[in-house]
PDB file of N, CA and C in Angstrom:
ATOM      1  N   MET A   1    -120.725 -63.594 -37.354  1.00  0.00           N
ATOM      2  CA  MET A   1    -120.861 -62.729 -36.013  1.00  0.00           C
ATOM      3  C   MET A   1    -121.117 -61.159 -36.410  1.00  0.00           C
ATOM      4  N   LYS A   2    -122.038 -60.589 -36.104  1.00  0.00           N
ATOM      5  CA  LYS A   2    -122.447 -59.429 -35.771  1.00  0.00           C
ATOM      6  C   LYS A   2    -121.660 -58.039 -35.225  1.00  0.00           C
ATOM      7  N   LEU A   3    -121.210 -57.091 -35.794  1.00  0.00           N
ATOM      8  CA  LEU A   3    -120.385 -56.464 -35.116  1.00  0.00           C
ATOM      9  C   LEU A   3    -121.426 -54.983 -34.837  1.00  0.00           C
ATOM     10  N   ASP A   4    -121.447 -54.315 -33.405  1.00  0.00           N
ATOM     11  CA  ASP A   4    -121.924 -53.057 -33.549  1.00  0.00           C
ATOM     12  C   ASP A   4    -120.869 -51.814 -33.346  1.00  0.00           C
ATOM     13  N   VAL A   5    -120.736 -51.452 -34.675  1.00  0.00           N
ATOM     14  CA  VAL A   5    -119.798 -50.471 -34.719  1.00  0.00           C
ATOM     15  C   VAL A   5    -120.166 -49.045 -34.033  1.00  0.00           C
ATOM     16  N   LYS A   6    -121.179 -48.577 -33.971  1.00  0.00           N
ATOM     17  CA  LYS A   6    -121.284 -47.670 -32.785  1.00  0.00           C
ATOM     18  C   LYS A   6    -120.832 -47.946 -31.111  1.00  0.00           C
ATOM     19  N   THR A   7    -120.996 -49.284 -31.022  1.00  0.00           N
ATOM     20  CA  THR A   7    -120.679 -49.458 -29.511  1.00  0.00           C
ATOM     21  C   THR A   7    -119.324 -49.934 -29.443  1.00  0.00           C
ATOM     22  N   SER A   8    -118.625 -50.086 -30.647  1.00  0.00           N
ATOM     23  CA  SER A   8    -117.445 -50.304 -30.835  1.00  0.00           C
ATOM     24  C   SER A   8    -116.761 -48.428 -30.635  1.00  0.00           C
ATOM     25  N   ARG A   9    -117.202 -47.994 -31.330  1.00  0.00           N
ATOM     26  CA  ARG A   9    -116.608 -46.821 -31.590  1.00  0.00           C
ATOM     27  C   ARG A   9    -117.103 -45.823 -29.904  1.00  0.00           C
ATOM     28  N   GLU A  10    -118.176 -46.176 -29.527  1.00  0.00           N
ATOM     29  CA  GLU A  10    -118.281 -45.377 -27.959  1.00  0.00           C
ATOM     30  C   GLU A  10    -117.045 -46.235 -26.761  1.00  0.00           C
ATOM     31  N   MET A  11    -116.792 -47.251 -27.236  1.00  0.00           N
ATOM     32  CA  MET A  11    -115.648 -47.914 -26.070  1.00  0.00           C
ATOM     33  C   MET A  11    -114.080 -47.481 -26.395  1.00  0.00           C
ATOM     34  N   THR A  12    -113.781 -46.344 -27.262  1.00  0.00           N
ATOM     35  CA  THR A  12    -112.328 -46.112 -27.578  1.00  0.00           C
ATOM     36  C   THR A  12    -112.462 -44.611 -27.393  1.00  0.00           C
ATOM     37  N   LYS A  13    -113.506 -43.891 -27.194  1.00  0.00           N
ATOM     38  CA  LYS A  13    -113.954 -42.338 -26.168  1.00  0.00           C
ATOM     39  C   LYS A  13    -113.183 -42.580 -25.156  1.00  0.00           C
ATOM     40  N   PRO A  14    -112.468 -41.576 -25.040  1.00  0.00           N
ATOM     41  CA  PRO A  14    -111.866 -41.624 -23.482  1.00  0.00           C
ATOM     42  C   PRO A  14    -112.964 -41.150 -22.693  1.00  0.00           C
ATOM     43  N   HIS A  15    -113.136 -41.133 -21.325  1.00  0.00           N
ATOM     44  CA  HIS A  15    -114.392 -40.590 -20.212  1.00  0.00           C
ATOM     45  C   HIS A  15    -114.476 -38.869 -20.623  1.00  0.00           C
ATOM     46  N   HIS A  16    -113.388 -38.562 -20.227  1.00  0.00           N
ATOM     47  CA  HIS A  16    -113.247 -37.146 -20.315  1.00  0.00           C
ATOM     48  C   HIS A  16    -113.486 -36.449 -21.882  1.00  0.00           C
ATOM     49  N   SER A  17    -114.235 -37.321 -23.000  1.00  0.00           N
ATOM     50  CA  SER A  17    -113.809 -36.419 -24.142  1.00  0.00           C
ATOM     51  C   SER A  17    -115.256 -35.554 -24.237  1.00  0.00           C
ATOM     52  N   SER A  18    -115.268 -34.721 -24.947  1.00  0.00           N
ATOM     53  CA  SER A  18    -116.712 -33.896 -25.194  1.00  0.00           C
ATOM     54  C   SER A  18    -118.273 -34.929 -25.849  1.00  0.00           C
ATOM     55  N   PHE A  19    -117.630 -36.296 -26.015  1.00  0.00           N
ATOM     56  CA  PHE A  19    -118.578 -37.373 -26.854  1.00  0.00           C
ATOM     57  C   PHE A  19    -119.446 -37.714 -25.732  1.00  0.00           C
ATOM     58  N   TRP A  20    -118.645 -38.463 -24.208  1.00  0.00           N
ATOM     59  CA  TRP A  20    -119.812 -38.566 -23.690  1.00  0.00           C
ATOM     60  C   TRP A  20    -120.548 -37.587 -22.665  1.00  0.00           C
ATOM     61  N   GLN A  21    -119.955 -36.329 -22.908  1.00  0.00           N
ATOM     62  CA  GLN A  21    -120.699 -35.238 -22.494  1.00  0.00           C
ATOM     63  C   GLN A  21    -122.214 -34.692 -23.524  1.00  0.00           C
ATOM     64  N   LYS A  22    -121.553 -34.850 -24.511  1.00  0.00           N
ATOM     65  CA  LYS A  22    -122.801 -34.519 -25.617  1.00  0.00           C
ATOM     66  C   LYS A  22    -123.771 -35.866 -25.433  1.00  0.00           C
ATOM     67  N   LYS A  23    -123.187 -36.576 -25.174  1.00  0.00           N
ATOM     68  CA  LYS A  23    -124.082 -37.997 -25.320  1.00  0.00           C
ATOM     69  C   LYS A  23    -125.129 -37.858 -23.862  1.00  0.00           C
ATOM     70  N   LYS A  24    -125.008 -37.710 -22.728  1.00  0.00           N
ATOM     71  CA  LYS A  24    -125.242 -37.311 -21.592  1.00  0.00           C
ATOM     72  C   LYS A  24    -126.560 -36.501 -21.624  1.00  0.00           C
ATOM     73  N   GLU A  25    -125.977 -35.068 -22.545  1.00  0.00           N
ATOM     74  CA  GLU A  25    -126.937 -33.805 -22.332  1.00  0.00           C
ATOM     75  C   GLU A  25    -127.983 -34.490 -23.322  1.00  0.00           C
ATOM     76  N   LYS A  26    -127.700 -35.448 -24.651  1.00  0.00           N
ATOM     77  CA  LYS A  26    -128.967 -35.872 -25.453  1.00  0.00           C
ATOM     78  C   LYS A  26    -129.783 -36.247 -24.719  1.00  0.00           C
ATOM     79  N   GLU A  27    -129.367 -37.542 -23.923  1.00  0.00           N
ATOM     80  CA  GLU A  27    -130.247 -38.257 -22.759  1.00  0.00           C
ATOM     81  C   GLU A  27    -130.877 -37.625 -21.641  1.00  0.00           C
ATOM     82  N   GLU A  28    -130.696 -36.663 -21.228  1.00  0.00           N
ATOM     83  CA  GLU A  28    -130.981 -35.511 -20.150  1.00  0.00           C
ATOM     84  C   GLU A  28    -132.146 -35.044 -21.152  1.00  0.00           C
ATOM     85  N   LEU A  29    -131.847 -34.358 -22.136  1.00  0.00           N
ATOM     86  CA  LEU A  29    -133.038 -33.661 -23.341  1.00  0.00           C
ATOM     87  C   LEU A  29    -134.168 -34.473 -23.655  1.00  0.00           C
ATOM     88  N   ALA A  30    -133.723 -35.868 -24.130  1.00  0.00           N
ATOM     89  CA  ALA A  30    -135.195 -36.632 -24.441  1.00  0.00           C
ATOM     90  C   ALA A  30    -135.559 -36.891 -22.907  1.00  0.00           C
ATOM     91  N   LYS A  31    -134.841 -37.419 -22.127  1.00  0.00           N
ATOM     92  CA  LYS A  31    -136.070 -37.758 -20.606  1.00  0.00           C
ATOM     93  C   LYS A  31    -136.542 -36.245 -20.231  1.00  0.00           C
ATOM     94  N   LEU A  32    -136.131 -35.302 -20.653  1.00  0.00           N
ATOM     95  CA  LEU A  32    -137.359 -33.965 -20.399  1.00  0.00           C
ATOM     96  C   LEU A  32    -138.153 -33.390 -21.255  1.00  0.00           C
ATOM     97  N   ILE A  33    -138.143 -34.022 -22.662  1.00  0.00           N
ATOM     98  CA  ILE A  33    -138.890 -33.849 -23.086  1.00  0.00           C
ATOM     99  C   ILE A  33    -140.014 -34.824 -23.300  1.00  0.00           C
ATOM    100  N   GLU A  34    -139.606 -36.378 -22.492  1.00  0.00           N
ATOM    101  CA  GLU A  34    -140.888 -37.426 -22.701  1.00  0.00           C
ATOM    102  C   GLU A  34    -141.447 -37.002 -21.289  1.00  0.00           C
ATOM    103  N   GLU A  35    -140.786 -36.199 -20.307  1.00  0.00           N
ATOM    104  CA  GLU A  35    -141.430 -35.927 -18.761  1.00  0.00           C
ATOM    105  C   GLU A  35    -142.667 -34.800 -19.302  1.00  0.00           C
ATOM    106  N   GLN A  36    -142.071 -33.686 -19.847  1.00  0.00           N
ATOM    107  CA  GLN A  36    -143.026 -32.746 -20.329  1.00  0.00           C
ATOM    108  C   GLN A  36    -143.878 -33.213 -21.399  1.00  0.00           C
ATOM    109  N   ALA A  37    -144.382 -34.205 -22.171  1.00  0.00           N
ATOM    110  CA  ALA A  37    -144.953 -34.264 -23.092  1.00  0.00           C
ATOM    111  C   ALA A  37    -146.426 -35.042 -22.367  1.00  0.00           C
ATOM    112  N   ASP A  38    -145.296 -35.705 -20.907  1.00  0.00           N
ATOM    113  CA  ASP A  38    -146.427 -36.294 -20.218  1.00  0.00           C
ATOM    114  C   ASP A  38    -147.456 -35.516 -19.045  1.00  0.00           C
ATOM    115  N   ILE A  39    -146.897 -34.387 -19.053  1.00  0.00           N
ATOM    116  CA  ILE A  39    -148.121 -33.082 -18.463  1.00  0.00           C
ATOM    117  C   ILE A  39    -148.237 -32.498 -19.382  1.00  0.00           C
ATOM    118  N   SER A  40    -148.261 -32.297 -20.648  1.00  0.00           N
ATOM    119  CA  SER A  40    -148.687 -31.750 -21.383  1.00  0.00           C
ATOM    120  C   SER A  40    -150.066 -31.912 -21.643  1.00  0.00           C
ATOM    121  N   SER A  41    -149.960 -33.676 -22.153  1.00  0.00           N
ATOM    122  CA  SER A  41    -151.161 -34.406 -22.471  1.00  0.00           C
ATOM    123  C   SER A  41    -152.417 -34.469 -21.488  1.00  0.00           C
ATOM    124  N   ILE A  42    -152.484 -33.595 -20.134  1.00  0.00           N
ATOM    125  CA  ILE A  42    -153.296 -33.713 -19.081  1.00  0.00           C
ATOM    126  C   ILE A  42    -153.991 -32.463 -19.495  1.00  0.00           C
ATOM    127  N   SER A  43    -155.467 -32.437 -19.422  1.00  0.00           N
ATOM    128  CA  SER A  43    -156.290 -31.303 -19.849  1.00  0.00           C
ATOM    129  C   SER A  43    -156.135 -30.476 -18.384  1.00  0.00           C
ATOM    130  N   PHE A  44    -155.789 -29.575 -18.050  1.00  0.00           N
ATOM    131  CA  PHE A  44    -155.858 -29.054 -16.771  1.00  0.00           C
ATOM    132  C   PHE A  44    -156.947 -27.352 -17.005  1.00  0.00           C
ATOM    133  N   THR A  45    -158.290 -27.348 -16.373  1.00  0.00           N
ATOM    134  CA  THR A  45    -158.956 -26.122 -16.528  1.00  0.00           C
ATOM    135  C   THR A  45    -158.677 -25.171 -15.417  1.00  0.00           C
ATOM    136  N   MET A  46    -157.783 -25.564 -14.510  1.00  0.00           N
ATOM    137  CA  MET A  46    -157.419 -23.847 -13.626  1.00  0.00           C
ATOM    138  C   MET A  46    -155.885 -24.097 -13.322  1.00  0.00           C
ATOM    139  N   GLU A  47    -155.175 -23.081 -13.162  1.00  0.00           N
ATOM    140  CA  GLU A  47    -153.965 -23.224 -12.909  1.00  0.00           C
ATOM    141  C   GLU A  47    -153.106 -24.369 -11.260  1.00  0.00           C
ATOM    142  N   TRP A  48    -151.975 -25.056 -11.798  1.00  0.00           N
ATOM    143  CA  TRP A  48    -151.669 -25.788 -10.924  1.00  0.00           C
ATOM    144  C   TRP A  48    -150.277 -25.277 -10.722  1.00  0.00           C
ATOM    145  N   ASP A  49    -149.732 -25.690  -9.562  1.00  0.00           N
ATOM    146  CA  ASP A  49    -148.460 -25.344  -9.201  1.00  0.00           C
ATOM    147  C   ASP A  49    -147.795 -27.078  -9.983  1.00  0.00           C
ATOM    148  N   ASN A  50    -146.397 -26.180 -10.110  1.00  0.00           N
ATOM    149  CA  ASN A  50    -145.346 -27.527 -10.532  1.00  0.00           C
ATOM    150  C   ASN A  50    -145.423 -29.011  -9.547  1.00  0.00           C
ATOM    151  N   GLU A  51    -145.499 -28.811  -8.298  1.00  0.00           N
ATOM    152  CA  GLU A  51    -145.178 -29.995  -7.201  1.00  0.00           C
ATOM    153  C   GLU A  51    -146.734 -30.203  -7.743  1.00  0.00           C
ATOM    154  N   ALA A  52    -147.734 -30.047  -7.932  1.00  0.00           N
ATOM    155  CA  ALA A  52    -148.781 -30.783  -7.996  1.00  0.00           C
ATOM    156  C   ALA A  52    -148.919 -31.544  -9.337  1.00  0.00           C
ATOM    157  N   LYS A  53    -148.620 -30.774 -10.569  1.00  0.00           N
ATOM    158  CA  LYS A  53    -148.056 -31.609 -11.952  1.00  0.00           C
ATOM    159  C   LYS A  53    -147.341 -32.484 -11.784  1.00  0.00           C
ATOM    160  N   GLU A  54    -146.101 -32.370 -11.192  1.00  0.00           N
ATOM    161  CA  GLU A  54    -145.458 -34.085 -10.813  1.00  0.00           C
ATOM    162  C   GLU A  54    -146.159 -34.963 -10.160  1.00  0.00           C
ATOM    163  N   LEU A  55    -146.926 -34.623  -9.091  1.00  0.00           N
ATOM    164  CA  LEU A  55    -147.752 -35.523  -8.368  1.00  0.00           C
ATOM    165  C   LEU A  55    -148.505 -36.044  -9.395  1.00  0.00           C
ATOM    166  N   MET A  56    -149.278 -35.616 -10.519  1.00  0.00           N
ATOM    167  CA  MET A  56    -150.155 -36.309 -11.306  1.00  0.00           C
ATOM    168  C   MET A  56    -149.222 -37.333 -12.240  1.00  0.00           C
ATOM    169  N   LYS A  57    -147.833 -37.015 -12.662  1.00  0.00           N
ATOM    170  CA  LYS A  57    -147.279 -38.093 -13.449  1.00  0.00           C
ATOM    171  C   LYS A  57    -147.390 -39.291 -13.023  1.00  0.00           C
ATOM    172  N   LYS A  58    -147.752 -39.603 -11.266  1.00  0.00           N
ATOM    173  CA  LYS A  58    -147.367 -41.012 -10.652  1.00  0.00           C
ATOM    174  C   LYS A  58    -148.931 -41.965 -10.661  1.00  0.00           C
ATOM    175  N   VAL A  59    -149.709 -40.770 -11.033  1.00  0.00           N
ATOM    176  CA  VAL A  59    -150.903 -41.438 -10.914  1.00  0.00           C
ATOM    177  C   VAL A  59    -151.397 -42.510 -12.565  1.00  0.00           C
ATOM    178  N   PRO A  60    -151.734 -43.256 -12.402  1.00  0.00           N
ATOM    179  CA  PRO A  60    -151.929 -44.464 -13.271  1.00  0.00           C
ATOM    180  C   PRO A  60    -152.814 -43.714 -14.894  1.00  0.00           C
ATOM    181  N   GLU A  61    -152.105 -43.888 -15.632  1.00  0.00           N
ATOM    182  CA  GLU A  61    -152.896 -43.215 -16.701  1.00  0.00           C
ATOM    183  C   GLU A  61    -153.716 -43.514 -17.072  1.00  0.00           C
ATOM    184  N   GLY A  62    -155.091 -44.430 -16.557  1.00  0.00           N
ATOM    185  CA  GLY A  62    -156.181 -44.783 -16.970  1.00  0.00           C
ATOM    186  C   GLY A  62    -157.180 -43.872 -16.180  1.00  0.00           C
ATOM    187  N   ILE A  63    -156.786 -43.366 -15.125  1.00  0.00           N
ATOM    188  CA  ILE A  63    -157.511 -42.245 -13.972  1.00  0.00           C
ATOM    189  C   ILE A  63    -156.871 -41.126 -13.824  1.00  0.00           C
ATOM    190  N   VAL A  64    -155.837 -40.646 -14.679  1.00  0.00           N
ATOM    191  CA  VAL A  64    -155.599 -39.309 -14.717  1.00  0.00           C
ATOM    192  C   VAL A  64    -156.139 -38.549 -14.978  1.00  0.00           C
ATOM    193  N   GLU A  65    -157.491 -38.199 -15.631  1.00  0.00           N
ATOM    194  CA  GLU A  65    -158.463 -37.110 -16.060  1.00  0.00           C
ATOM    195  C   GLU A  65    -159.466 -37.057 -15.084  1.00  0.00           C
ATOM    196  N   THR A  66    -159.527 -38.223 -14.490  1.00  0.00           N
ATOM    197  CA  THR A  66    -160.387 -38.552 -13.208  1.00  0.00           C
ATOM    198  C   THR A  66    -160.007 -37.851 -11.690  1.00  0.00           C
ATOM    199  N   ALA A  67    -158.324 -38.251 -12.150  1.00  0.00           N
ATOM    200  CA  ALA A  67    -157.973 -37.221 -10.587  1.00  0.00           C
ATOM    201  C   ALA A  67    -157.600 -35.836 -10.452  1.00  0.00           C
ATOM    202  N   VAL A  68    -157.214 -35.850 -11.580  1.00  0.00           N
ATOM    203  CA  VAL A  68    -157.090 -34.136 -12.163  1.00  0.00           C
ATOM    204  C   VAL A  68    -158.667 -33.487 -12.268  1.00  0.00           C
ATOM    205  N   SER A  69    -159.879 -34.100 -12.623  1.00  0.00           N
ATOM    206  CA  SER A  69    -160.984 -33.297 -12.281  1.00  0.00           C
ATOM    207  C   SER A  69    -161.055 -33.184 -10.875  1.00  0.00           C
ATOM    208  N   ASN A  70    -161.299 -34.019 -10.036  1.00  0.00           N
ATOM    209  CA  ASN A  70    -161.539 -34.026  -8.526  1.00  0.00           C
ATOM    210  C   ASN A  70    -160.678 -33.072  -8.030  1.00  0.00           C
ATOM    211  N   ALA A  71    -159.432 -33.178  -8.187  1.00  0.00           N
ATOM    212  CA  ALA A  71    -158.503 -32.364  -8.319  1.00  0.00           C
ATOM    213  C   ALA A  71    -158.379 -30.956  -7.671  1.00  0.00           C
ATOM    214  N   GLU A  72    -159.292 -30.384  -8.762  1.00  0.00           N
ATOM    215  CA  GLU A  72    -159.928 -28.849  -9.264  1.00  0.00           C
ATOM    216  C   GLU A  72    -161.010 -28.689  -8.693  1.00  0.00           C
ATOM    217  N   GLU A  73    -161.956 -29.742  -8.886  1.00  0.00           N
ATOM    218  CA  GLU A  73    -163.329 -29.215  -8.215  1.00  0.00           C
ATOM    219  C   GLU A  73    -162.902 -29.363  -6.696  1.00  0.00           C
ATOM    220  N   PHE A  74    -162.086 -29.799  -5.963  1.00  0.00           N
ATOM    221  CA  PHE A  74    -161.347 -29.708  -4.427  1.00  0.00           C
ATOM    222  C   PHE A  74    -160.926 -28.633  -4.119  1.00  0.00           C
ATOM    223  N   ALA A  75    -160.256 -27.686  -5.188  1.00  0.00           N
ATOM    224  CA  ALA A  75    -159.541 -27.124  -5.263  1.00  0.00           C
ATOM    225  C   ALA A  75    -160.653 -25.871  -4.720  1.00  0.00           C
ATOM    226  N   LYS A  76    -161.283 -25.566  -5.712  1.00  0.00           N
ATOM    227  CA  LYS A  76    -162.242 -24.494  -6.095  1.00  0.00           C
ATOM    228  C   LYS A  76    -163.596 -24.819  -4.820  1.00  0.00           C
ATOM    229  N   GLU A  77    -163.926 -25.919  -4.449  1.00  0.00           N
ATOM    230  CA  GLU A  77    -164.564 -25.991  -3.514  1.00  0.00           C
ATOM    231  C   GLU A  77    -163.739 -25.506  -1.573  1.00  0.00           C
ATOM    232  N   LYS A  78    -163.163 -25.395  -1.759  1.00  0.00           N
ATOM    233  CA  LYS A  78    -162.071 -24.712  -0.768  1.00  0.00           C
ATOM    234  C   LYS A  78    -161.499 -23.345  -0.960  1.00  0.00           C
ATOM    235  N   GLY A  79    -161.876 -22.989  -2.312  1.00  0.00           N
ATOM    236  CA  GLY A  79    -161.522 -21.404  -2.495  1.00  0.00           C
ATOM    237  C   GLY A  79    -160.328 -21.129  -2.929  1.00  0.00           C
ATOM    238  N   TYR A  80    -159.846 -22.227  -3.031  1.00  0.00           N
ATOM    239  CA  TYR A  80    -158.309 -21.942  -3.776  1.00  0.00           C
ATOM    240  C   TYR A  80    -158.481 -21.453  -5.188  1.00  0.00           C
ATOM    241  N   THR A  81    -157.132 -20.803  -5.165  1.00  0.00           N
ATOM    242  CA  THR A  81    -156.947 -20.126  -6.503  1.00  0.00           C
ATOM    243  C   THR A  81    -156.243 -20.812  -7.556  1.00  0.00           C
ATOM    244  N   LYS A  82    -155.444 -21.725  -7.096  1.00  0.00           N
ATOM    245  CA  LYS A  82    -154.699 -23.144  -8.055  1.00  0.00           C
ATOM    246  C   LYS A  82    -154.834 -24.008  -7.320  1.00  0.00           C
ATOM    247  N   VAL A  83    -154.446 -25.366  -8.443  1.00  0.00           N
ATOM    248  CA  VAL A  83    -154.399 -26.523  -7.089  1.00  0.00           C
ATOM    249  C   VAL A  83    -152.732 -27.053  -6.639  1.00  0.00           C
ATOM    250  N   SER A  84    -152.526 -27.189  -5.497  1.00  0.00           N
ATOM    251  CA  SER A  84    -151.470 -27.431  -5.459  1.00  0.00           C
ATOM    252  C   SER A  84    -150.986 -28.478  -4.559  1.00  0.00           C
ATOM    253  N   LYS A  85    -149.747 -28.712  -4.029  1.00  0.00           N
ATOM    254  CA  LYS A  85    -149.826 -30.032  -3.528  1.00  0.00           C
ATOM    255  C   LYS A  85    -150.513 -30.253  -2.053  1.00  0.00           C
ATOM    256  N   LYS A  86    -150.551 -29.093  -1.330  1.00  0.00           N
ATOM    257  CA  LYS A  86    -151.312 -28.926  -0.087  1.00  0.00           C
ATOM    258  C   LYS A  86    -152.670 -29.486  -0.580  1.00  0.00           C
ATOM    259  N   SER A  87    -152.971 -28.708  -1.541  1.00  0.00           N
ATOM    260  CA  SER A  87    -154.856 -29.043  -1.887  1.00  0.00           C
ATOM    261  C   SER A  87    -155.214 -30.523  -2.285  1.00  0.00           C
ATOM    262  N   ILE A  88    -153.935 -31.278  -2.873  1.00  0.00           N
ATOM    263  CA  ILE A  88    -153.957 -32.452  -3.066  1.00  0.00           C
ATOM    264  C   ILE A  88    -153.787 -33.708  -2.208  1.00  0.00           C
ATOM    265  N   GLN A  89    -153.324 -32.985  -0.941  1.00  0.00           N
ATOM    266  CA  GLN A  89    -152.865 -34.047   0.164  1.00  0.00           C
ATOM    267  C   GLN A  89    -154.060 -33.616   1.053  1.00  0.00           C
ATOM    268  N   GLU A  90    -154.703 -32.414   0.828  1.00  0.00           N
ATOM    269  CA  GLU A  90    -155.689 -32.262   2.159  1.00  0.00           C
ATOM    270  C   GLU A  90    -157.150 -33.187   1.336  1.00  0.00           C
ATOM    271  N   LEU A  91    -156.862 -33.620   0.150  1.00  0.00           N
ATOM    272  CA  LEU A  91    -158.212 -33.989  -0.840  1.00  0.00           C
ATOM    273  C   LEU A  91    -157.878 -35.849  -0.547  1.00  0.00           C
ATOM    274  N   MET A  92    -156.753 -36.277  -0.876  1.00  0.00           N
ATOM    275  CA  MET A  92    -156.377 -37.438  -0.243  1.00  0.00           C
ATOM    276  C   MET A  92    -156.521 -37.964   1.053  1.00  0.00           C
ATOM    277  N   GLU A  93    -156.190 -36.861   2.014  1.00  0.00           N
ATOM    278  CA  GLU A  93    -156.583 -37.472   3.323  1.00  0.00           C
ATOM    279  C   GLU A  93    -158.093 -37.438   3.717  1.00  0.00           C
ATOM    280  N   LYS A  94    -158.841 -36.584   2.855  1.00  0.00           N
ATOM    281  CA  LYS A  94    -160.303 -36.136   3.135  1.00  0.00           C
ATOM    282  C   LYS A  94    -160.994 -37.949   2.361  1.00  0.00           C
ATOM    283  N   LEU A  95    -160.059 -38.630   1.701  1.00  0.00           N
ATOM    284  CA  LEU A  95    -160.657 -39.998   0.887  1.00  0.00           C
ATOM    285  C   LEU A  95    -160.006 -41.011   1.624  1.00  0.00           C
ATOM    286  N   GLY A  96    -158.986 -40.574   2.705  1.00  0.00           N
ATOM    287  CA  GLY A  96    -158.562 -41.896   3.718  1.00  0.00           C
ATOM    288  C   GLY A  96    -157.430 -42.077   3.020  1.00  0.00           C
ATOM    289  N   MET A  97    -156.761 -41.472   2.411  1.00  0.00           N
ATOM    290  CA  MET A  97    -155.426 -41.805   1.638  1.00  0.00           C
ATOM    291  C   MET A  97    -154.435 -40.809   1.741  1.00  0.00           C
ATOM    292  N   ASN A  98    -152.849 -41.646   1.886  1.00  0.00           N
ATOM    293  CA  ASN A  98    -151.832 -41.178   2.144  1.00  0.00           C
ATOM    294  C   ASN A  98    -150.872 -40.419   1.179  1.00  0.00           C
ATOM    295  N   LEU A  99    -150.506 -39.511   0.863  1.00  0.00           N
ATOM    296  CA  LEU A  99    -149.788 -38.973  -0.484  1.00  0.00           C
ATOM    297  C   LEU A  99    -148.334 -39.427  -0.305  1.00  0.00           C
ATOM    298  N   ASP A 100    -147.997 -40.193   0.422  1.00  0.00           N
ATOM    299  CA  ASP A 100    -146.567 -40.785   0.951  1.00  0.00           C
ATOM    300  C   ASP A 100    -147.004 -42.379  -0.098  1.00  0.00           C
ATOM    301  N   ASP A 101    -147.897 -42.681  -0.032  1.00  0.00           N
ATOM    302  CA  ASP A 101    -148.623 -43.809  -0.835  1.00  0.00           C
ATOM    303  C   ASP A 101    -147.867 -44.052  -2.060  1.00  0.00           C
ATOM    304  N   MET A 102    -147.974 -42.982  -2.562  1.00  0.00           N
ATOM    305  CA  MET A 102    -148.284 -42.457  -4.123  1.00  0.00           C
ATOM    306  C   MET A 102    -146.662 -43.227  -4.584  1.00  0.00           C
TER     307      MET A 102
END
């Protein structure tokens, strides 16, 4: 019989102990780092607001570069100085798509 010592120790910690707070903070930090890595791997050639960047996380991995390129091209055509959620929404409407379906 294998015994998971780490799990056994966790079960002995009271819910109000600093152990659980530290564990939660580590998990949140790991999640934040993962989310930033997803965004940082995308090549942006113009300024993007945070909402627009968040939308790019929902785009399937194989077409992210195309989606970014199309969003930037559309924003430039419209004379926008940066890509925003609004400009992405306009582009999607032009393409017959709905932002809420993402």
